[in-house]
N, C-alpha and C. Protein backbone atom coordinates (compact mmCIF):
# COMPACT_ATOMS: atom_id res chain seq x y z
N MET A 1 -15.82 20.62 -35.20
CA MET A 1 -16.73 20.11 -34.34
C MET A 1 -16.10 20.31 -32.86
N LYS A 2 -16.83 20.70 -31.94
CA LYS A 2 -16.36 21.18 -30.56
C LYS A 2 -16.24 19.86 -29.82
N ASN A 3 -15.19 19.81 -28.93
CA ASN A 3 -14.96 18.52 -28.10
C ASN A 3 -15.86 18.78 -26.81
N LYS A 4 -16.69 17.89 -26.60
CA LYS A 4 -17.70 17.97 -25.47
C LYS A 4 -16.87 17.74 -24.12
N PHE A 5 -15.70 17.10 -24.24
CA PHE A 5 -14.96 16.63 -23.10
C PHE A 5 -13.90 17.50 -22.81
N ALA A 6 -13.68 18.73 -23.37
CA ALA A 6 -12.64 19.54 -23.17
C ALA A 6 -12.57 19.96 -21.67
N PHE A 7 -13.65 20.40 -20.99
CA PHE A 7 -13.67 20.59 -19.63
C PHE A 7 -13.09 19.60 -18.74
N ILE A 8 -13.55 18.37 -19.13
CA ILE A 8 -13.10 17.05 -18.28
C ILE A 8 -11.71 16.91 -18.51
N ASN A 9 -11.05 17.06 -19.72
CA ASN A 9 -9.73 16.96 -19.92
C ASN A 9 -8.87 17.95 -19.20
N LYS A 10 -9.32 19.04 -19.09
CA LYS A 10 -8.52 20.00 -18.27
C LYS A 10 -8.63 19.67 -16.85
N LYS A 11 -9.68 19.20 -16.34
CA LYS A 11 -9.70 18.87 -14.95
C LYS A 11 -8.90 17.56 -14.60
N LEU A 12 -8.98 16.64 -15.61
CA LEU A 12 -8.14 15.46 -15.48
C LEU A 12 -6.63 15.82 -15.39
N ALA A 13 -6.37 16.77 -16.30
CA ALA A 13 -4.86 17.17 -16.36
C ALA A 13 -4.52 17.79 -15.15
N ALA A 14 -5.31 18.64 -14.53
CA ALA A 14 -4.99 19.29 -13.31
C ALA A 14 -4.99 18.34 -12.16
N ALA A 15 -5.80 17.38 -12.16
CA ALA A 15 -5.74 16.38 -11.05
C ALA A 15 -4.59 15.50 -11.21
N SER A 16 -4.15 15.14 -12.42
CA SER A 16 -3.02 14.30 -12.52
C SER A 16 -1.75 14.97 -12.09
N ALA A 17 -1.65 16.31 -12.50
CA ALA A 17 -0.58 17.15 -12.04
C ALA A 17 -0.42 17.25 -10.59
N ALA A 18 -1.67 17.33 -9.90
CA ALA A 18 -1.62 17.42 -8.50
C ALA A 18 -1.16 16.17 -7.78
N VAL A 19 -1.67 15.08 -8.30
CA VAL A 19 -1.37 13.72 -7.72
C VAL A 19 0.09 13.41 -7.96
N SER A 20 0.63 13.68 -9.10
CA SER A 20 2.08 13.53 -9.46
C SER A 20 2.96 14.24 -8.49
N GLY A 21 2.52 15.48 -8.21
CA GLY A 21 3.27 16.33 -7.33
C GLY A 21 3.29 15.75 -6.00
N VAL A 22 2.31 15.32 -5.41
CA VAL A 22 2.15 14.67 -4.19
C VAL A 22 3.12 13.43 -4.09
N VAL A 23 2.98 12.55 -5.13
CA VAL A 23 3.81 11.43 -5.17
C VAL A 23 5.23 11.60 -5.23
N LEU A 24 5.62 12.59 -5.97
CA LEU A 24 7.08 12.87 -6.12
C LEU A 24 7.63 13.47 -4.75
N ALA A 25 6.81 14.26 -4.03
CA ALA A 25 7.15 14.89 -2.77
C ALA A 25 7.24 13.63 -1.86
N GLY A 26 6.40 12.63 -1.88
CA GLY A 26 6.44 11.58 -0.90
C GLY A 26 7.65 10.70 -1.24
N ALA A 27 7.96 10.50 -2.56
CA ALA A 27 9.15 9.71 -2.95
C ALA A 27 10.46 10.41 -2.43
N ALA A 28 10.51 11.76 -2.51
CA ALA A 28 11.74 12.38 -2.01
C ALA A 28 11.86 12.23 -0.43
N GLN A 29 10.85 12.27 0.21
CA GLN A 29 10.81 12.13 1.60
C GLN A 29 11.22 10.69 2.02
N ALA A 30 10.72 9.71 1.23
CA ALA A 30 10.88 8.22 1.56
C ALA A 30 12.42 7.92 1.38
N GLN A 31 13.16 8.69 0.48
CA GLN A 31 14.40 8.46 0.16
C GLN A 31 15.34 8.92 1.47
N SER A 32 14.82 9.91 2.19
CA SER A 32 15.66 10.48 3.24
C SER A 32 15.24 9.69 4.51
N VAL A 33 14.40 8.84 4.64
CA VAL A 33 14.13 8.06 5.80
C VAL A 33 15.07 6.99 6.05
N LEU A 34 15.57 6.34 5.07
CA LEU A 34 16.50 5.30 5.30
C LEU A 34 17.76 5.68 5.86
N PRO A 35 18.45 4.91 6.65
CA PRO A 35 19.68 5.34 7.17
C PRO A 35 20.87 5.22 6.08
N ILE A 36 21.94 5.84 6.31
CA ILE A 36 23.01 5.82 5.30
C ILE A 36 23.65 4.50 5.12
N ASP A 37 23.75 3.68 6.18
CA ASP A 37 24.28 2.38 6.02
C ASP A 37 23.19 1.25 5.90
N PHE A 38 22.11 1.59 5.31
CA PHE A 38 20.99 0.63 5.11
C PHE A 38 21.48 -0.41 4.09
N ASN A 39 21.33 -1.75 4.43
CA ASN A 39 21.63 -2.96 3.66
C ASN A 39 20.34 -3.76 3.41
N MET A 40 20.00 -3.96 2.14
CA MET A 40 18.79 -4.77 1.92
C MET A 40 18.95 -6.17 2.31
N ALA A 41 20.10 -6.69 2.33
CA ALA A 41 20.37 -8.09 2.77
C ALA A 41 20.08 -8.28 4.17
N ASP A 42 20.25 -7.29 5.03
CA ASP A 42 19.82 -7.45 6.39
C ASP A 42 18.28 -7.56 6.63
N THR A 43 17.53 -7.32 5.71
CA THR A 43 16.10 -7.46 5.86
C THR A 43 15.55 -8.84 5.39
N ASN A 44 16.47 -9.64 4.73
CA ASN A 44 16.11 -10.90 4.06
C ASN A 44 15.49 -11.81 5.00
N THR A 45 15.94 -12.07 6.26
CA THR A 45 15.32 -13.07 7.13
C THR A 45 13.92 -12.54 7.58
N ASP A 46 13.85 -11.15 7.81
CA ASP A 46 12.57 -10.77 8.30
C ASP A 46 11.45 -10.84 7.15
N ILE A 47 11.87 -10.65 5.93
CA ILE A 47 11.00 -10.81 4.87
C ILE A 47 10.55 -12.27 4.62
N ILE A 48 11.43 -13.10 4.72
CA ILE A 48 11.16 -14.61 4.66
C ILE A 48 10.20 -15.04 5.80
N THR A 49 10.41 -14.59 7.01
CA THR A 49 9.70 -14.84 8.04
C THR A 49 8.20 -14.39 7.91
N VAL A 50 8.02 -13.14 7.66
CA VAL A 50 6.73 -12.52 7.39
C VAL A 50 5.99 -13.27 6.14
N GLY A 51 6.72 -13.45 5.08
CA GLY A 51 6.20 -14.21 3.99
C GLY A 51 5.69 -15.59 4.29
N GLY A 52 6.47 -16.38 5.05
CA GLY A 52 6.01 -17.63 5.43
C GLY A 52 4.87 -17.62 6.41
N ALA A 53 4.75 -16.54 7.22
CA ALA A 53 3.60 -16.49 8.09
C ALA A 53 2.26 -16.12 7.26
N MET A 54 2.36 -15.33 6.29
CA MET A 54 1.32 -15.07 5.48
C MET A 54 0.86 -16.23 4.63
N ILE A 55 1.76 -16.94 4.12
CA ILE A 55 1.50 -18.22 3.38
C ILE A 55 0.73 -19.17 4.28
N GLY A 56 1.21 -19.39 5.53
CA GLY A 56 0.67 -20.21 6.42
C GLY A 56 -0.74 -19.86 6.89
N LEU A 57 -1.00 -18.60 7.00
CA LEU A 57 -2.34 -18.06 7.32
C LEU A 57 -3.28 -18.25 6.12
N ALA A 58 -2.84 -18.17 4.97
CA ALA A 58 -3.65 -18.31 3.86
C ALA A 58 -3.94 -19.77 3.68
N VAL A 59 -3.00 -20.67 3.87
CA VAL A 59 -3.30 -22.13 3.85
C VAL A 59 -4.42 -22.42 4.86
N THR A 60 -4.19 -21.97 6.03
CA THR A 60 -5.20 -22.11 7.15
C THR A 60 -6.56 -21.76 6.80
N ALA A 61 -6.59 -20.44 6.24
CA ALA A 61 -7.98 -20.01 5.85
C ALA A 61 -8.51 -20.85 4.74
N VAL A 62 -7.88 -21.28 3.70
CA VAL A 62 -8.49 -22.02 2.68
C VAL A 62 -8.93 -23.47 3.17
N GLY A 63 -7.96 -24.00 4.12
CA GLY A 63 -8.38 -25.17 4.77
C GLY A 63 -9.75 -25.12 5.48
N ILE A 64 -9.86 -24.09 6.38
CA ILE A 64 -11.14 -23.76 7.03
C ILE A 64 -12.32 -23.79 6.21
N LYS A 65 -12.12 -22.92 5.05
CA LYS A 65 -13.18 -22.86 4.01
C LYS A 65 -13.53 -24.17 3.39
N TRP A 66 -12.54 -25.00 3.19
CA TRP A 66 -12.85 -26.34 2.64
C TRP A 66 -13.57 -27.23 3.52
N VAL A 67 -13.23 -27.16 4.80
CA VAL A 67 -13.90 -28.05 5.81
C VAL A 67 -15.45 -27.55 5.90
N LYS A 68 -15.55 -26.22 5.94
CA LYS A 68 -16.94 -25.75 6.02
C LYS A 68 -17.77 -26.13 4.91
N ALA A 69 -17.24 -26.13 3.74
CA ALA A 69 -17.90 -26.29 2.53
C ALA A 69 -18.19 -27.80 2.48
N THR A 70 -17.21 -28.66 2.72
CA THR A 70 -17.33 -30.09 2.76
C THR A 70 -18.50 -30.67 3.68
N PHE A 71 -18.44 -30.14 4.85
CA PHE A 71 -19.29 -30.70 5.98
C PHE A 71 -20.61 -29.96 6.17
N PHE A 72 -20.54 -28.79 6.00
CA PHE A 72 -21.67 -27.82 6.22
C PHE A 72 -22.32 -27.23 5.15
N GLY A 73 -21.79 -27.71 3.91
CA GLY A 73 -22.23 -27.31 2.77
C GLY A 73 -23.15 -26.54 1.98
């Protein structure tokens, strides 16, 4: 019995190879962007600050939605 999806499988394999080639090229470039003396511990404060701000904005948005739903319903 002939596989009806053989053409699709070939195109899928070609697309997958193309995408993985692009991803691998991007990963190689990303490794070369960081400075030699990069230390992840130096970014800890920045990550905590941005994360706290995102959580604060999320709490504010949910609070506004709750007030709108409660009073304007």
